C-alpha atoms as a PDB file:
ATOM      1  CA  MET A   1     -93.105  44.037  91.481  1.00  0.00           C
ATOM      2  CA  GLU A   2     -91.692  46.979  89.535  1.00  0.00           C
ATOM      3  CA  ILE A   3     -88.866  46.582  87.026  1.00  0.00           C
ATOM      4  CA  ASN A   4     -86.852  49.699  86.278  1.00  0.00           C
ATOM      5  CA  GLY A   5     -85.108  50.213  82.957  1.00  0.00           C
ATOM      6  CA  ILE A   6     -81.400  50.694  82.381  1.00  0.00           C
ATOM      7  CA  GLY A   7     -80.149  54.225  83.122  1.00  0.00           C
ATOM      8  CA  SER A   8     -78.545  56.468  80.556  1.00  0.00           C
ATOM      9  CA  GLY A   9     -76.130  55.470  77.817  1.00  0.00           C
ATOM     10  CA  ILE A  10     -76.531  53.632  74.609  1.00  0.00           C
ATOM     11  CA  GLY A  11     -78.875  50.996  76.125  1.00  0.00           C
ATOM     12  CA  LEU A  12     -82.224  50.196  74.716  1.00  0.00           C
ATOM     13  CA  GLY A  13     -83.966  52.526  77.148  1.00  0.00           C
ATOM     14  CA  ALA A  14     -82.146  55.464  75.635  1.00  0.00           C
ATOM     15  CA  ALA A  15     -82.493  54.188  72.075  1.00  0.00           C
ATOM     16  CA  PHE A  16     -86.297  53.867  72.037  1.00  0.00           C
ATOM     17  CA  PRO A  17     -88.053  57.090  72.902  1.00  0.00           C
ATOM     18  CA  ASP A  18     -91.223  57.141  74.979  1.00  0.00           C
ATOM     19  CA  VAL A  19     -94.069  57.448  72.451  1.00  0.00           C
ATOM     20  CA  SER A  20     -96.974  57.448  74.871  1.00  0.00           C
ATOM     21  CA  GLY A  21     -97.536  61.222  74.679  1.00  0.00           C
ATOM     22  CA  ALA A  22     -95.997  61.816  71.280  1.00  0.00           C
ATOM     23  CA  LYS A  23     -97.916  62.771  68.171  1.00  0.00           C
ATOM     24  CA  SER A  24     -98.472  60.015  65.662  1.00  0.00           C
ATOM     25  CA  THR A  25     -95.687  59.550  63.162  1.00  0.00           C
ATOM     26  CA  SER A  26     -95.150  56.990  60.469  1.00  0.00           C
ATOM     27  CA  ALA A  27     -93.032  53.941  61.073  1.00  0.00           C
ATOM     28  CA  VAL A  28     -90.588  55.041  58.450  1.00  0.00           C
ATOM     29  CA  GLU A  29     -89.972  58.373  60.206  1.00  0.00           C
ATOM     30  CA  GLY A  30     -89.568  56.624  63.517  1.00  0.00           C
ATOM     31  CA  ALA A  31     -87.069  54.068  62.130  1.00  0.00           C
ATOM     32  CA  GLY A  32     -85.168  56.822  60.333  1.00  0.00           C
ATOM     33  CA  LYS A  33     -84.940  58.823  63.526  1.00  0.00           C
ATOM     34  CA  PHE A  34     -83.815  55.777  65.456  1.00  0.00           C
ATOM     35  CA  PHE A  35     -81.056  54.915  63.010  1.00  0.00           C
ATOM     36  CA  SER A  36     -79.903  58.509  62.685  1.00  0.00           C
ATOM     37  CA  GLU A  37     -79.621  58.776  66.505  1.00  0.00           C
ATOM     38  CA  LEU A  38     -77.809  55.427  66.730  1.00  0.00           C
ATOM     39  CA  VAL A  39     -75.320  56.404  64.007  1.00  0.00           C
ATOM     40  CA  SER A  40     -74.762  59.732  65.786  1.00  0.00           C
ATOM     41  CA  LYS A  41     -74.067  58.080  69.146  1.00  0.00           C
ATOM     42  CA  VAL A  42     -71.707  55.553  67.574  1.00  0.00           C
ATOM     43  CA  ASN A  43     -69.903  58.331  65.685  1.00  0.00           C
ATOM     44  CA  ASN A  44     -69.527  60.307  68.971  1.00  0.00           C
ATOM     45  CA  MET A  45     -68.038  57.237  70.662  1.00  0.00           C
ATOM     46  CA  GLN A  46     -65.587  56.729  67.774  1.00  0.00           C
ATOM     47  CA  THR A  47     -64.546  60.387  67.982  1.00  0.00           C
ATOM     48  CA  GLN A  48     -64.004  60.197  71.766  1.00  0.00           C
ATOM     49  CA  SER A  49     -61.876  57.045  71.228  1.00  0.00           C
ATOM     50  CA  ASP A  50     -59.802  58.778  68.576  1.00  0.00           C
ATOM     51  CA  GLN A  51     -59.219  61.768  70.869  1.00  0.00           C
ATOM     52  CA  ALA A  52     -58.157  59.402  73.683  1.00  0.00           C
ATOM     53  CA  ILE A  53     -55.664  57.646  71.351  1.00  0.00           C
ATOM     54  CA  GLN A  54     -54.280  60.972  70.265  1.00  0.00           C
ATOM     55  CA  GLY A  55     -54.037  62.134  73.830  1.00  0.00           C
ATOM     56  CA  LEU A  56     -52.096  59.018  74.794  1.00  0.00           C
ATOM     57  CA  ALA A  57     -49.787  59.429  71.773  1.00  0.00           C
ATOM     58  CA  THR A  58     -48.960  63.001  72.578  1.00  0.00           C
ATOM     59  CA  GLY A  59     -48.479  62.356  76.302  1.00  0.00           C
ATOM     60  CA  GLU A  60     -51.535  64.360  77.469  1.00  0.00           C
ATOM     61  CA  ASN A  61     -53.223  61.219  78.804  1.00  0.00           C
ATOM     62  CA  LYS A  62     -51.205  58.834  80.958  1.00  0.00           C
ATOM     63  CA  ASN A  63     -54.007  56.323  81.596  1.00  0.00           C
ATOM     64  CA  LEU A  64     -53.721  53.459  79.134  1.00  0.00           C
ATOM     65  CA  HIS A  65     -56.657  51.665  80.724  1.00  0.00           C
ATOM     66  CA  GLU A  66     -59.012  54.547  80.082  1.00  0.00           C
ATOM     67  CA  VAL A  67     -57.946  54.688  76.420  1.00  0.00           C
ATOM     68  CA  MET A  68     -58.491  50.910  76.046  1.00  0.00           C
ATOM     69  CA  ILE A  69     -61.950  51.168  77.689  1.00  0.00           C
ATOM     70  CA  SER A  70     -62.872  53.938  75.320  1.00  0.00           C
ATOM     71  CA  MET A  71     -61.696  51.905  72.304  1.00  0.00           C
ATOM     72  CA  GLU A  72     -63.620  48.823  73.451  1.00  0.00           C
ATOM     73  CA  LYS A  73     -66.840  50.900  73.971  1.00  0.00           C
ATOM     74  CA  ALA A  74     -66.455  52.324  70.463  1.00  0.00           C
ATOM     75  CA  SER A  75     -65.798  48.849  69.029  1.00  0.00           C
ATOM     76  CA  ILE A  76     -68.763  47.237  70.793  1.00  0.00           C
ATOM     77  CA  SER A  77     -71.128  50.084  69.791  1.00  0.00           C
ATOM     78  CA  PHE A  78     -70.047  49.746  66.177  1.00  0.00           C
ATOM     79  CA  GLN A  79     -70.627  45.989  66.254  1.00  0.00           C
ATOM     80  CA  PHE A  80     -74.067  46.647  67.759  1.00  0.00           C
ATOM     81  CA  LEU A  81     -74.829  49.143  64.962  1.00  0.00           C
ATOM     82  CA  SER A  82     -73.705  46.655  62.323  1.00  0.00           C
ATOM     83  CA  GLN A  83     -75.912  43.922  63.758  1.00  0.00           C
ATOM     84  CA  VAL A  84     -78.939  46.231  63.956  1.00  0.00           C
ATOM     85  CA  ARG A  85     -78.331  47.227  60.300  1.00  0.00           C
ATOM     86  CA  ASN A  86     -77.986  43.594  59.231  1.00  0.00           C
ATOM     87  CA  LYS A  87     -81.231  42.629  60.977  1.00  0.00           C
ATOM     88  CA  ALA A  88     -83.039  45.581  59.395  1.00  0.00           C
ATOM     89  CA  VAL A  89     -81.833  44.656  55.951  1.00  0.00           C
ATOM     90  CA  GLU A  90     -82.799  40.979  56.516  1.00  0.00           C
ATOM     91  CA  ALA A  91     -86.263  42.038  57.618  1.00  0.00           C
ATOM     92  CA  TYR A  92     -86.672  44.279  54.593  1.00  0.00           C
ATOM     93  CA  GLN A  93     -85.553  41.490  52.251  1.00  0.00           C
ATOM     94  CA  GLU A  94     -88.021  39.076  53.916  1.00  0.00           C
ATOM     95  CA  VAL A  95     -90.857  41.525  53.456  1.00  0.00           C
ATOM     96  CA  MET A  96     -89.914  42.072  49.774  1.00  0.00           C
ATOM     97  CA  ARG A  97     -89.974  38.246  49.283  1.00  0.00           C
ATOM     98  CA  MET A  98     -93.521  37.975  50.538  1.00  0.00           C
ATOM     99  CA  GLN A  99     -96.096  37.216  47.869  1.00  0.00           C
ATOM    100  CA  VAL A 100     -99.208  39.337  47.836  1.00  0.00           C
END
């Protein structure tokens, strides 16, 4: 039985790059790249949401439901980013509390 991953988007399949054929990099570089890509994607969603709101306010966009969907996507992606950051900080603090 074959299980296929989620398609494109902000899902975990898009967030974690395929490292099978990649050159070896340190975990710090990989985590830094992951967080920078995640922040960039969330920022893009926030920008799209702001543009949709401005379009609705100026009368360019007549579809309120599309604006609301865009706002919710931006909100959920920001909440996801916040939770990932909180878990990373908790993991760092736990490692720092370990006695050697």
